[in-house]
Structures are given as C-alpha cells and as structure tokens.
C-alpha cells in the first residue's frame, strides 16, 4: 500500500524493498474548469513541463544534468523523461520520469523533480489555475506505487513547483515531498536555485 505524504515528509524507498532498482516518477495535474469571463484570457491550454536535475551535494554542476523535454535522457542513462504532455488532459500521470537507481553515478547525491508552466508569463498562467497536482513514486518492477504526494497548498501566482527529491542516505534511497512553489518562468530559472 502506497504511503501518502504531506509536505516536508520523507520516506525510505529501498528499506523493505529488496532489489528496488528502477523508479517511475509520475506527475499529474488538471487545469481548473474555465469560467466564461476567463475564456479569452486563457485561450491556450496550460502546458506544464516536468523536469529532473541530478545534483552533487545539493548543487547543479552542469546544464547537461537537467533532464526535460529538450534533453530526454541523462548522459549516464540513469534518468529518462518519457515525453512532453502539452495539455495535461486525461487521467493518471501526465508526464513520467524513469530513475534507474543502480545507474545513477556515485557523484550524484539527489534527483530533484520539478514542474514549470511553459511560457507562464506570456500566457498569463499560474498554478492557481491547476488542481489535483501530484507526484507519485512507483516500483517499475511491479508497477506498485510506493508513495504519493498530493499538493494541497495554494499555488496562486506560482509558475513552478519543486515537487520532490529522490536522494541517497546511508546507501538507501529516500523521497522527500518538497512542494515549494516559485515564480520562476523557465526551467533554467528554477534550477538556478541549485547553482
């Protein structure tokens, strides 16, 4: 049974999961129903982009350590983005990122997972226009959900959210439910927080 996390909670992914090697990180969201008076100010679907960044001691060392719609695979092969969903329509995960724990090079201490709204300022869009946002971590071997974090805070005027972090600790892999909203307009601005 999956563990339901609250903001700031951490869970050990590998303890009790012998042989856990590959994770599916699923991210999902729904656009709030549009009211008639909003229609012309929101004539484009909200395009949320999930990304992951491999960090060394909490810091990004190279731009190539960012995995996103422009760079779907990390050079180590340890992190893979399965593609961009331009609308967020449909049930379940809107975007997925695969993390092969056994292939994450030892110099990386964590993988940060975040979502930003593409061209948020140009399109006048923010996460206050989004509902049902979540991140879940799944054991790829069995398709078993290990943990889920449903975001419940008010993210009005926030254009990006740092959803969570998969990190090493004493030879174990853990997940931290972060849920921090930012007003960053691009992937580069979000990840600058880790430079």
Protein backbone atom coordinates (compact mmCIF):
# COMPACT_ATOMS: atom_id res chain seq x y z
CA UNK A 1 0.00 0.00 0.00
CA UNK A 2 1.38 3.40 -1.01
CA UNK A 3 2.38 5.89 1.64
CA UNK A 4 0.51 9.18 1.37
CA UNK A 5 2.92 12.01 2.16
CA UNK A 6 2.43 15.52 3.45
CA UNK A 7 4.65 18.46 2.55
CA UNK A 8 8.07 18.02 4.12
CA UNK A 9 7.68 14.30 4.87
CA UNK A 10 10.38 11.84 3.88
CA UNK A 11 10.12 8.13 3.20
CA UNK A 12 12.74 5.41 2.70
CA UNK A 13 12.15 3.84 -0.71
CA UNK A 14 14.63 0.97 -0.54
CA UNK A 15 14.11 -0.21 3.04
CA UNK A 16 11.89 -3.25 2.85
CA UNK A 17 12.03 -3.21 -0.97
CA UNK A 18 14.91 -5.55 -1.61
CA UNK A 19 16.20 -5.29 -5.15
CA UNK A 20 14.46 -2.00 -5.89
CA UNK A 21 16.38 -0.58 -8.82
CA UNK A 22 14.12 1.38 -11.12
CA UNK A 23 11.52 4.00 -10.26
CA UNK A 24 8.79 5.60 -12.30
CA UNK A 25 8.15 9.14 -11.07
CA UNK A 26 4.68 10.07 -12.27
CA UNK A 27 3.48 13.66 -12.20
CA UNK A 28 -0.06 14.76 -12.83
CA UNK A 29 -2.29 17.82 -12.81
CA UNK A 30 -5.58 19.09 -14.17
CA UNK A 31 -6.47 22.50 -15.46
CA UNK A 32 -9.31 24.10 -13.48
CA UNK A 33 -12.54 24.44 -15.47
CA UNK A 34 -12.59 27.77 -17.27
CA UNK A 35 -15.28 30.29 -16.50
CA UNK A 36 -16.79 32.17 -19.42
CA UNK A 37 -15.25 35.51 -18.41
CA UNK A 38 -11.80 33.87 -18.30
CA UNK A 39 -12.06 32.24 -21.70
CA UNK A 40 -10.33 34.94 -23.71
CA UNK A 41 -7.54 35.45 -21.18
CA UNK A 42 -6.83 31.72 -21.18
CA UNK A 43 -7.28 30.69 -24.77
CA UNK A 44 -4.31 28.31 -24.63
CA UNK A 45 -4.09 25.08 -22.65
CA UNK A 46 -1.75 25.19 -19.68
CA UNK A 47 1.41 23.33 -20.70
CA UNK A 48 3.17 22.04 -17.58
CA UNK A 49 6.66 20.66 -18.11
CA UNK A 50 8.14 18.10 -15.72
CA UNK A 51 11.91 18.07 -15.31
CA UNK A 52 14.55 16.36 -13.21
CA UNK A 53 18.01 17.54 -12.25
CA UNK A 54 20.83 15.41 -10.91
CA UNK A 55 22.64 17.25 -8.11
CA UNK A 56 26.01 16.82 -6.48
CA UNK A 57 25.83 17.72 -2.79
CA UNK A 58 22.72 19.78 -3.45
CA UNK A 59 24.21 21.69 -6.39
CA UNK A 60 23.82 21.52 -10.15
CA UNK A 61 27.24 21.19 -11.74
CA UNK A 62 26.37 21.16 -15.45
CA UNK A 63 23.37 22.11 -17.59
CA UNK A 64 23.53 18.62 -19.12
CA UNK A 65 22.44 17.24 -15.71
CA UNK A 66 18.92 18.58 -16.38
CA UNK A 67 16.52 16.07 -17.95
CA UNK A 68 13.48 17.70 -19.55
CA UNK A 69 11.52 17.90 -22.83
CA UNK A 70 14.65 19.31 -24.55
CA UNK A 71 17.01 16.65 -23.14
CA UNK A 72 15.09 13.42 -22.58
CA UNK A 73 17.97 11.24 -21.36
CA UNK A 74 20.81 11.94 -18.94
CA UNK A 75 24.20 11.06 -20.42
CA UNK A 76 24.60 8.29 -17.79
CA UNK A 77 21.35 6.68 -18.92
CA UNK A 78 20.13 6.78 -15.31
CA UNK A 79 17.29 9.29 -15.79
CA UNK A 80 14.86 9.22 -18.72
CA UNK A 81 11.97 11.60 -19.45
CA UNK A 82 9.17 9.81 -21.34
CA UNK A 83 7.94 12.87 -23.25
CA UNK A 84 6.04 16.11 -23.07
CA UNK A 85 2.28 16.29 -22.48
CA UNK A 86 1.15 19.66 -23.83
CA UNK A 87 -2.29 19.80 -22.16
CA UNK A 88 -2.41 17.62 -19.03
CA UNK A 89 -5.66 16.07 -20.26
CA UNK A 90 -6.64 12.57 -19.24
CA UNK A 91 -6.44 10.50 -16.08
CA UNK A 92 -3.30 9.28 -14.36
CA UNK A 93 0.23 10.53 -14.90
CA UNK A 94 0.61 13.40 -17.33
CA UNK A 95 4.38 13.02 -17.56
CA UNK A 96 6.75 10.34 -16.30
CA UNK A 97 10.44 10.28 -15.46
CA UNK A 98 12.28 6.97 -15.04
CA UNK A 99 15.11 6.84 -12.49
CA UNK A 100 17.39 3.79 -12.66
CA UNK A 101 18.88 3.89 -9.16
CA UNK A 102 21.66 1.41 -9.98
CA UNK A 103 22.88 3.60 -12.84
CA UNK A 104 22.90 6.96 -11.04
CA UNK A 105 26.64 7.75 -10.89
CA UNK A 106 28.03 7.88 -7.36
CA UNK A 107 28.88 11.60 -7.53
CA UNK A 108 25.18 12.48 -7.63
CA UNK A 109 23.50 12.72 -4.23
CA UNK A 110 19.97 13.50 -5.37
CA UNK A 111 17.49 13.92 -8.21
CA UNK A 112 15.20 16.95 -7.88
CA UNK A 113 11.83 16.74 -9.69
CA UNK A 114 10.01 19.94 -10.58
CA UNK A 115 7.32 21.27 -12.90
CA UNK A 116 7.07 24.68 -14.54
CA UNK A 117 4.40 26.20 -16.76
CA UNK A 118 5.72 26.75 -20.26
CA UNK A 119 5.63 30.47 -21.19
CA UNK A 120 3.68 31.18 -17.99
CA UNK A 121 4.20 34.95 -18.06
CA UNK A 122 3.47 35.33 -21.77
CA UNK A 123 0.30 33.25 -21.42
CA UNK A 124 -0.66 34.80 -18.04
CA UNK A 125 -0.93 31.37 -16.40
CA UNK A 126 -0.02 30.10 -12.93
CA UNK A 127 -0.57 27.10 -10.67
CA UNK A 128 -3.64 28.70 -9.11
CA UNK A 129 -5.29 27.61 -12.39
CA UNK A 130 -4.30 23.97 -11.72
CA UNK A 131 -5.89 21.37 -9.46
CA UNK A 132 -5.23 17.76 -8.47
CA UNK A 133 -1.44 18.12 -8.78
CA UNK A 134 0.53 15.12 -7.53
CA UNK A 135 3.80 13.26 -7.70
CA UNK A 136 3.99 9.53 -7.14
CA UNK A 137 6.89 7.11 -6.99
CA UNK A 138 6.33 3.64 -8.43
CA UNK A 139 8.45 0.48 -8.34
CA UNK A 140 8.93 -0.19 -12.06
CA UNK A 141 9.32 -3.95 -11.50
CA UNK A 142 5.82 -4.48 -10.18
CA UNK A 143 4.07 -1.21 -11.04
CA UNK A 144 3.48 -0.84 -7.28
CA UNK A 145 3.02 2.70 -6.04
CA UNK A 146 5.45 3.27 -3.15
CA UNK A 147 4.42 6.78 -2.17
CA UNK A 148 2.28 9.67 -3.35
CA UNK A 149 2.29 13.35 -2.54
CA UNK A 150 -0.86 15.28 -3.42
CA UNK A 151 -0.16 19.02 -3.44
CA UNK A 152 -2.78 20.86 -1.42
CA UNK A 153 -1.24 24.31 -0.84
CA UNK A 154 -2.50 27.40 -2.65
CA UNK A 155 -0.07 27.97 -5.52
CA UNK A 156 -1.76 31.06 -6.96
CA UNK A 157 0.74 33.21 -8.88
CA UNK A 158 3.35 30.42 -8.69
CA UNK A 159 4.68 29.42 -12.11
CA UNK A 160 6.80 26.46 -11.00
CA UNK A 161 6.72 23.88 -8.23
CA UNK A 162 9.59 21.83 -6.85
CA UNK A 163 7.62 18.63 -6.24
CA UNK A 164 10.17 16.39 -4.56
CA UNK A 165 13.60 14.89 -4.29
CA UNK A 166 14.93 11.35 -4.56
CA UNK A 167 18.14 11.23 -2.57
CA UNK A 168 20.82 8.90 -1.22
CA UNK A 169 21.28 8.49 2.50
CA UNK A 170 23.48 5.79 4.06
CA UNK A 171 23.26 3.55 0.98
CA UNK A 172 19.47 3.86 0.91
CA UNK A 173 17.29 5.86 -1.49
CA UNK A 174 14.66 8.12 0.02
CA UNK A 175 12.00 10.53 -1.21
CA UNK A 176 11.35 14.00 0.21
CA UNK A 177 7.98 15.66 -0.53
CA UNK A 178 9.05 19.30 -1.03
CA UNK A 179 6.08 21.11 -2.62
CA UNK A 180 7.72 24.54 -2.85
CA UNK A 181 6.14 26.97 -5.32
CA UNK A 182 8.22 29.60 -7.09
CA UNK A 183 7.65 32.46 -9.50
CA UNK A 184 10.35 31.21 -11.87
CA UNK A 185 9.36 31.44 -15.52
CA UNK A 186 11.73 28.87 -17.06
CA UNK A 187 13.47 25.60 -16.30
CA UNK A 188 16.76 27.48 -16.12
CA UNK A 189 15.39 29.89 -13.52
CA UNK A 190 14.09 27.06 -11.35
CA UNK A 191 17.35 25.15 -11.44
CA UNK A 192 19.37 28.32 -10.79
CA UNK A 193 18.26 27.86 -7.16
CA UNK A 194 20.64 24.89 -7.06
CA UNK A 195 23.69 26.56 -8.60
